Protein backbone atom coordinates (compact mmCIF):
# COMPACT_ATOMS: atom_id res chain seq x y z
CA MET A 1 4.94 -16.95 -8.10
CA SER A 2 4.37 -20.21 -6.27
CA THR A 3 1.38 -22.42 -7.37
CA PRO A 4 -1.10 -23.83 -4.63
CA PRO A 5 -2.07 -27.62 -4.37
CA SER A 6 -5.07 -28.06 -6.41
CA GLU A 7 -6.57 -30.68 -4.40
CA ALA A 8 -9.35 -30.40 -1.85
CA GLY A 9 -8.04 -29.83 2.04
CA ALA A 10 -4.42 -29.41 0.64
CA ALA A 11 -2.97 -26.73 3.57
CA PRO A 12 -2.07 -23.32 1.57
CA ALA A 13 0.99 -22.01 0.85
CA ALA A 14 3.01 -19.27 2.69
CA GLY A 15 1.38 -16.16 2.98
CA TRP A 16 -0.40 -13.46 5.99
CA ALA A 17 -3.52 -13.49 7.54
CA LEU A 18 -5.22 -10.05 8.06
CA ALA A 19 -7.48 -8.54 10.79
CA ALA A 20 -8.66 -5.71 11.62
CA ALA A 21 -10.74 -4.48 14.90
CA ALA A 22 -12.14 -0.97 15.84
CA PHE A 23 -12.06 0.43 20.18
CA ASP A 24 -12.98 3.73 21.48
CA ALA A 25 -10.56 5.59 23.97
CA LEU A 26 -9.15 8.36 25.61
CA ARG A 27 -5.84 10.00 25.32
CA SER A 28 -3.55 12.62 26.23
CA LEU A 29 -0.11 13.36 24.40
CA PRO A 30 1.60 16.01 26.82
CA ALA A 31 5.11 15.64 24.65
CA LEU A 32 3.44 17.72 22.00
CA PRO A 33 3.82 21.33 21.79
CA PRO A 34 1.68 23.85 24.16
CA GLY A 35 -1.25 24.64 21.82
CA HIS A 36 -1.38 21.49 20.23
CA ARG A 37 -5.01 20.21 19.83
CA ALA A 38 -3.74 16.67 20.57
CA ARG A 39 -1.83 17.53 23.42
CA GLY A 40 -4.83 17.39 26.13
CA PRO A 41 -7.29 14.82 26.87
CA HIS A 42 -9.08 13.68 23.48
CA GLY A 43 -10.95 10.50 22.00
CA HIS A 44 -10.41 8.69 18.94
CA ARG A 45 -12.42 5.92 17.28
CA TYR A 46 -8.89 3.47 16.78
CA VAL A 47 -8.38 0.41 14.23
CA ALA A 48 -6.34 -1.76 14.96
CA GLN A 49 -4.94 -3.96 12.47
CA ALA A 50 -2.85 -6.84 12.60
CA ARG A 51 -0.73 -9.60 10.60
CA GLN A 52 0.43 -13.01 10.82
CA ALA A 53 2.18 -16.05 9.04
CA LEU A 54 -0.17 -18.34 7.79
CA GLY A 55 2.05 -21.22 8.63
CA ALA A 56 1.98 -20.28 12.22
CA LEU A 57 -1.99 -20.57 12.52
CA PRO A 58 -4.70 -23.72 11.92
CA ALA A 59 -5.43 -24.04 8.55
CA GLY A 60 -9.36 -22.81 7.54
CA CYS A 61 -9.63 -20.85 10.46
CA ALA A 62 -6.65 -18.39 10.12
CA VAL A 63 -8.57 -15.12 9.52
CA SER A 64 -11.11 -15.78 12.19
CA ASP A 65 -8.45 -17.07 15.01
CA LEU A 66 -6.14 -14.19 14.30
CA GLY A 67 -9.40 -11.72 14.41
CA ALA A 68 -10.31 -13.32 17.64
CA ALA A 69 -6.92 -12.83 18.90
CA LEU A 70 -6.93 -9.05 18.11
CA GLN A 71 -10.24 -8.43 19.84
CA ALA A 72 -9.01 -9.88 23.13
CA ALA A 73 -5.68 -7.66 22.74
CA ILE A 74 -7.50 -4.27 22.80
CA ALA A 75 -10.07 -5.60 24.71
CA ASP A 76 -9.16 -3.60 27.61
CA TRP A 77 -8.25 -0.40 25.83
CA ASP A 78 -11.74 -0.30 24.33
CA TYR A 79 -13.74 2.65 26.34
CA ALA A 80 -10.39 3.14 28.61
CA ASP A 81 -8.75 6.39 29.66
CA LEU A 82 -5.51 4.95 27.78
CA ASP A 83 -3.68 7.55 29.97
CA SER A 84 -4.30 5.58 33.33
CA ARG A 85 -4.20 2.44 31.61
CA LEU A 86 -1.04 2.92 30.33
CA PRO A 87 0.73 4.66 32.76
CA GLN A 88 4.35 5.19 31.40
CA ALA A 89 5.79 8.01 29.67
CA PRO A 90 3.34 10.69 27.93
CA GLN A 91 4.90 9.77 24.53
CA GLY A 92 4.26 5.81 25.16
CA ARG A 93 0.57 6.77 24.10
CA GLY A 94 1.07 7.90 20.33
CA ASP A 95 0.27 6.00 17.34
CA ALA A 96 3.12 3.98 16.88
CA ALA A 97 4.09 3.39 20.71
CA LEU A 98 0.47 1.63 20.44
CA ALA A 99 1.11 -0.29 17.58
CA GLY A 100 4.52 -1.61 19.33
CA LEU A 101 2.64 -2.49 22.50
CA LEU A 102 -0.19 -4.32 20.04
CA ALA A 103 2.55 -6.25 18.35
CA ALA A 104 4.05 -7.84 21.82
CA ARG A 105 0.65 -8.52 23.05
CA LEU A 106 0.17 -10.57 19.91
CA GLY A 107 3.26 -12.16 20.24
CA ALA A 108 6.25 -12.93 18.22
CA GLY A 109 5.99 -12.58 14.57
CA THR A 110 2.83 -10.32 14.30
CA GLN A 111 2.98 -7.19 12.80
CA ALA A 112 0.68 -4.28 14.32
CA TRP A 113 -0.58 -1.17 13.11
CA ILE A 114 -2.68 1.48 14.60
CA GLN A 115 -5.04 4.55 12.84
CA SER A 116 -6.09 6.96 15.37
CA THR A 117 -8.38 8.46 12.75
CA PRO A 118 -9.29 7.49 9.05
CA ASP A 119 -6.15 9.92 8.08
CA GLN A 120 -3.49 8.91 10.32
CA GLY A 121 -1.81 6.10 11.72
CA ALA A 122 1.47 4.23 12.30
CA GLY A 123 3.09 0.62 12.58
CA VAL A 124 5.50 -1.70 13.96
CA ALA A 125 8.11 -1.92 10.62
CA PRO A 126 11.83 -1.79 10.80
CA GLY A 127 13.47 -0.10 7.99
CA ALA A 128 16.53 0.35 6.19
CA ASP A 129 16.53 3.98 7.55
CA GLY A 130 17.33 2.47 10.99
CA HIS A 131 13.55 3.20 12.44
CA PRO A 132 11.74 0.15 14.33
CA ALA A 133 8.13 2.42 13.34
CA GLU A 134 6.38 4.07 10.81
CA SER A 135 4.00 7.05 10.84
CA TRP A 136 1.52 8.07 7.91
CA ARG A 137 -1.04 10.84 7.26
CA ARG A 138 -3.57 11.00 4.50
CA TYR A 139 -4.19 14.15 2.40
CA ARG A 140 -7.10 14.78 0.01
CA PHE A 141 -6.84 17.19 -2.79
CA GLU A 142 -9.56 17.58 -5.82
CA ALA A 143 -7.98 18.14 -9.44
CA ALA A 144 -8.26 17.46 -12.82
CA HIS A 145 -6.28 15.68 -15.29
CA ARG A 146 -5.89 14.00 -18.40
CA LEU A 147 -3.62 11.25 -19.84
CA PRO A 148 -2.30 12.64 -23.47
CA TYR A 149 -0.37 9.24 -24.61
CA VAL A 150 -3.32 6.48 -23.69
CA PRO A 151 -4.44 4.79 -26.86
CA GLU A 152 -6.88 6.65 -28.93
CA GLY A 153 -10.38 6.65 -27.71
CA HIS A 154 -9.31 5.90 -24.27
CA LYS A 155 -11.85 7.58 -21.75
CA CYS A 156 -8.57 8.78 -19.79
CA GLY A 157 -7.24 10.80 -22.53
CA ARG A 158 -10.11 13.11 -22.16
CA MET A 159 -9.71 15.83 -19.80
CA HIS A 160 -11.48 14.51 -15.91
CA GLY A 161 -11.04 14.60 -12.43
CA HIS A 162 -10.62 13.13 -9.46
CA SER A 163 -10.98 13.28 -5.28
CA PHE A 164 -7.41 11.94 -5.26
CA ALA A 165 -5.73 10.98 -1.81
CA ALA A 166 -1.96 10.91 -1.12
CA VAL A 167 -0.58 9.00 2.09
CA PRO A 168 3.19 9.65 2.60
CA VAL A 169 4.86 7.10 4.91
CA ILE A 170 7.74 7.78 7.25
CA GLY A 171 10.03 5.92 9.36
CA CYS A 172 10.00 6.93 12.86
CA ALA A 173 10.97 6.24 16.60
CA PRO A 174 7.94 4.33 18.88
CA GLU A 175 8.05 7.47 20.97
CA ASP A 176 8.06 9.95 17.95
CA VAL A 177 4.39 11.82 18.69
CA ALA A 178 5.78 14.94 16.23
CA ALA A 179 5.61 12.62 13.11
CA HIS A 180 2.09 13.55 11.74
CA ALA A 181 3.11 17.01 12.60
CA ARG A 182 6.06 16.71 10.22
CA LEU A 183 4.01 15.51 7.40
CA ASP A 184 1.60 18.30 7.55
CA THR A 185 4.40 20.73 7.33
CA ALA A 186 6.04 19.17 4.11
CA TRP A 187 3.22 18.43 2.73
CA ALA A 188 1.55 22.11 2.97
CA PRO A 189 3.21 23.86 -0.10
CA LEU A 190 2.32 20.58 -2.30
CA ALA A 191 -1.34 21.27 -1.27
CA ALA A 192 -1.03 24.70 -2.60
CA MET A 193 -0.18 23.24 -6.01
CA LEU A 194 -2.50 20.35 -6.44
CA GLU A 195 -5.44 21.29 -4.89
CA GLN A 196 -8.30 23.07 -7.62
CA HIS A 197 -6.12 22.83 -10.17
CA CYS A 198 -4.91 20.60 -13.35
CA LEU A 199 -2.30 18.25 -12.63
CA ASN A 200 -1.21 18.55 -16.36
CA ASP A 201 -0.06 22.17 -15.94
CA ILE A 202 2.58 21.72 -12.94
CA PRO A 203 5.99 21.36 -13.98
CA GLY A 204 7.17 17.51 -14.44
CA LEU A 205 3.65 16.67 -14.31
CA ASP A 206 2.73 16.39 -18.21
CA ASN A 207 1.73 12.96 -18.02
CA PRO A 208 0.05 12.59 -14.45
CA THR A 209 -0.97 8.69 -14.07
CA SER A 210 -0.95 7.54 -10.76
CA GLU A 211 2.39 6.02 -11.06
CA ASN A 212 3.82 8.98 -12.02
CA LEU A 213 2.43 11.24 -9.85
CA ALA A 214 3.38 8.86 -6.54
CA ALA A 215 7.18 9.17 -7.88
CA TRP A 216 6.66 13.12 -8.08
CA LEU A 217 5.07 13.37 -4.93
CA TYR A 218 8.26 11.39 -3.52
CA ALA A 219 10.60 13.24 -4.82
CA ALA A 220 8.98 16.31 -3.90
CA LEU A 221 8.68 15.25 -0.45
CA GLN A 222 12.26 13.61 0.19
CA PRO A 223 14.08 16.87 0.63
CA ALA A 224 11.93 17.84 3.79
CA LEU A 225 11.53 14.21 4.98
CA PRO A 226 14.58 12.50 5.17
CA THR A 227 13.35 9.31 6.23
CA LEU A 228 10.40 8.94 3.54
CA ARG A 229 9.62 5.65 3.02
CA ARG A 230 6.93 5.37 0.32
CA VAL A 231 3.94 7.56 -1.44
CA LEU A 232 0.54 6.49 -1.98
CA VAL A 233 -1.71 7.72 -4.44
CA PHE A 234 -5.53 7.02 -4.52
CA GLU A 235 -7.11 7.67 -7.74
CA THR A 236 -9.88 6.65 -6.70
CA ALA A 237 -11.04 4.38 -3.86
CA SER A 238 -10.51 1.16 -5.33
CA CYS A 239 -7.45 1.32 -7.35
CA GLY A 240 -3.65 3.68 -6.50
CA ALA A 241 -0.17 3.56 -6.83
CA CYS A 242 2.91 3.20 -4.36
CA HIS A 243 6.24 4.20 -5.19
CA ALA A 244 9.52 3.44 -3.16
CA ASP A 245 12.93 3.12 -3.68
CA GLY A 246 12.30 3.51 -7.25
CA ARG A 247 9.55 1.00 -7.55
CA THR A 248 6.49 1.16 -8.56
CA ARG A 249 3.46 -1.21 -7.38
CA ILE A 250 -0.15 -0.51 -8.18
CA TRP A 251 -3.30 -2.22 -7.01
CA LYS A 252 -6.61 -2.62 -8.18
CA ASP A 253 -9.79 -3.64 -6.08
CA LEU A 254 -12.33 -5.77 -7.46
CA PRO A 255 -15.63 -6.47 -4.97
CA PHE A 256 -17.46 -9.81 -5.27
CA ASP A 257 -20.44 -11.59 -3.61
CA SER A 258 -20.27 -15.12 -2.81
CA ALA A 259 -21.38 -17.98 -0.43
CA THR A 260 -18.81 -20.62 1.20
CA ARG A 261 -19.10 -22.86 4.01
CA LEU A 262 -16.00 -24.46 5.55
CA PRO A 263 -16.46 -28.56 6.57
CA ALA A 264 -13.00 -29.27 8.08
CA ALA A 265 -13.24 -25.76 10.21
CA GLY A 266 -16.53 -27.15 11.99
CA GLY A 267 -18.40 -24.93 14.41
CA ALA A 268 -20.23 -21.69 12.79
CA LEU A 269 -17.98 -21.80 9.76
CA ALA A 270 -18.51 -25.05 8.33
CA ARG A 271 -22.26 -23.96 7.92
CA LEU A 272 -23.51 -22.28 4.79
CA HIS A 273 -22.36 -18.28 4.80
CA GLY A 274 -21.27 -15.71 2.88
CA HIS A 275 -18.89 -12.44 2.45
CA SER A 276 -18.95 -9.03 0.24
CA TYR A 277 -15.27 -10.14 -0.55
CA THR A 278 -12.63 -7.26 -2.06
CA LEU A 279 -10.11 -9.26 -4.11
CA ARG A 280 -7.20 -6.57 -4.40
CA LEU A 281 -4.61 -7.61 -6.66
CA HIS A 282 -0.75 -5.89 -6.74
CA LEU A 283 1.02 -5.36 -9.47
CA GLU A 284 4.75 -4.08 -10.42
CA GLY A 285 7.17 -3.53 -12.84
CA ALA A 286 8.66 -0.99 -14.96
CA LEU A 287 6.32 1.70 -16.28
CA ASP A 288 5.90 1.73 -19.68
CA GLU A 289 7.84 4.39 -21.55
CA ARG A 290 5.02 6.23 -23.76
CA ALA A 291 1.64 5.86 -21.34
CA GLY A 292 3.54 6.15 -18.15
CA TRP A 293 1.74 3.38 -16.11
CA VAL A 294 2.84 -0.42 -15.02
CA VAL A 295 -0.67 -1.38 -16.41
CA ASP A 296 -4.04 0.01 -17.42
CA PHE A 297 -6.27 -0.29 -14.37
CA GLY A 298 -9.17 -1.12 -16.86
CA ALA A 299 -7.20 -3.93 -18.74
CA VAL A 300 -6.11 -5.52 -15.31
CA LYS A 301 -10.00 -5.71 -14.71
CA GLN A 302 -10.54 -7.18 -18.18
CA ALA A 303 -7.51 -9.64 -17.99
CA VAL A 304 -9.11 -11.73 -14.86
CA ALA A 305 -12.82 -11.15 -16.30
CA ALA A 306 -13.55 -14.75 -16.74
CA LEU A 307 -11.84 -15.73 -13.52
CA TYR A 308 -13.99 -13.17 -11.72
CA GLN A 309 -17.41 -14.41 -13.15
CA ARG A 310 -16.23 -17.79 -11.54
CA LEU A 311 -16.12 -15.98 -8.34
CA ASP A 312 -19.26 -13.62 -8.30
CA HIS A 313 -22.21 -14.52 -6.79
CA HIS A 314 -21.27 -18.25 -6.81
CA PRO A 315 -20.99 -20.86 -4.09
CA LEU A 316 -17.27 -20.94 -3.64
CA HIS A 317 -17.03 -24.57 -2.06
CA GLU A 318 -18.39 -25.80 -5.33
CA LEU A 319 -15.41 -24.99 -7.61
CA PRO A 320 -14.49 -28.30 -8.47
CA GLU A 321 -10.89 -27.30 -7.49
CA LEU A 322 -11.69 -25.64 -4.13
CA GLU A 323 -14.25 -27.77 -1.92
CA GLN A 324 -12.51 -26.01 1.08
CA ALA A 325 -12.76 -22.58 0.26
CA ASP A 326 -11.38 -20.49 2.98
CA THR A 327 -10.06 -17.18 2.56
CA ALA A 328 -6.68 -18.05 2.85
CA ARG A 329 -6.77 -21.24 -0.01
CA LEU A 330 -8.91 -19.29 -1.98
CA ALA A 331 -6.41 -16.11 -2.30
CA ALA A 332 -3.87 -18.84 -3.10
CA TRP A 333 -6.20 -20.58 -6.04
CA ILE A 334 -7.09 -17.12 -7.18
CA GLU A 335 -3.01 -16.02 -7.57
CA SER A 336 -2.38 -19.12 -9.50
CA ARG A 337 -4.95 -18.43 -11.87
CA ALA A 338 -4.39 -14.95 -12.18
CA ALA A 339 -0.71 -14.97 -12.86
CA ALA A 340 -1.29 -16.33 -16.70
CA SER A 341 -3.03 -13.37 -18.02
CA LEU A 342 -1.29 -11.13 -15.88
CA PRO A 343 2.57 -10.99 -16.18
CA GLN A 344 2.72 -8.44 -13.78
CA LEU A 345 0.94 -9.57 -10.80
CA GLY A 346 3.21 -9.06 -7.94
CA GLY A 347 0.57 -10.88 -5.15
CA VAL A 348 -3.17 -11.18 -4.14
CA GLU A 349 -5.17 -9.79 -1.22
CA LEU A 350 -8.22 -11.12 -0.72
CA LEU A 351 -10.46 -9.68 2.10
CA GLN A 352 -13.80 -11.21 3.34
CA THR A 353 -14.61 -7.99 5.60
CA PRO A 354 -12.88 -5.01 5.59
CA GLY A 355 -9.18 -5.18 7.13
CA CYS A 356 -9.69 -8.78 7.75
CA GLY A 357 -8.42 -11.59 5.28
CA ALA A 358 -5.69 -12.96 3.41
CA LEU A 359 -2.65 -11.74 1.73
CA ARG A 360 -0.21 -13.44 -0.61
CA HIS A 361 2.97 -10.97 -1.47
CA PRO A 362 6.64 -11.65 -1.37
CA ALA A 363 7.01 -7.89 -0.09
CA ALA A 364 4.26 -8.22 2.23
CA PRO A 365 2.82 -4.58 1.39
CA ALA A 366 1.84 -2.34 4.56
CA PRO A 367 -2.47 -2.31 4.55
CA LEU A 368 -3.90 0.47 3.43
CA PRO A 369 -5.56 3.24 5.24
CA LEU A 370 -8.89 1.76 6.67
CA THR A 371 -12.00 2.78 8.17
CA LEU A 372 -14.28 0.75 10.79
């Protein structure tokens, strides 16, 4: 992990600016089979997400500048008939194709994703499978579980339950409008196994941590989805696990409410203002052989408790090491300090509003599903 400069006004180290914006539009997808509900004209509240290297954006204004560029790029799609606005081949209006068009509008070096509903989307993401795009669907299920190998007295050792969600992601072509249907077909038998069941009773899930569940789902889905790239599991809205290529990553969200001002940015950003931030810690590593997790989600929160107290309900620009507390610098500042107490830390994502913020992560994970 790189350590950011500590002096006020120093440029942040490498990372990504993140932005998100919503638009409402109509489209049809006549390339879908006859009778498919999305074949004819229908509407969505879309969410567009973009990511751009911080080095390509002015210091201090990275998030707002990318957000403005994203709003401009989708302006003519808002309250529009995409069938007439984008008259190319019908399959060119699917989620993956729209993400490709958005990336082209934003310019070289910018990555883009489109969500057409809170539970489905696609992005421009070349992968080892040879496909230049990827599509995903979110599936929710209600289930019970207990973790049998946690320390004595740990609350997760008791039988309890969650409203789980799983998100399988597959590589696809930009014109592939049937990707979501393939995901639905592959998921159907698993839904019957998971919904309203105890996970511990399912063969292979005697220790159903989020990490083990993500790996189990990956193994179960891969035969039917040969371009499967990863599977995400949301144990709660604020934490989960991702399994891909035999590797496991987890994330834990910590919200905090703070004030800041950015005098070097000028304009409205120079005024005292504030955000309800979300700090998302990404952690990676081998699973504990007995517990079956990278690290206990509760232990993550405890490990950064002192750091968190410096952030929550404080004026961030008054921190002695962070006079210019824009989101990119703040993410770098948090990363350098959290790494000391979290050796599994793989990256830091800091959102100042939903989907908008900064990401410092070598592997640059794709954005989590978002609703605006």
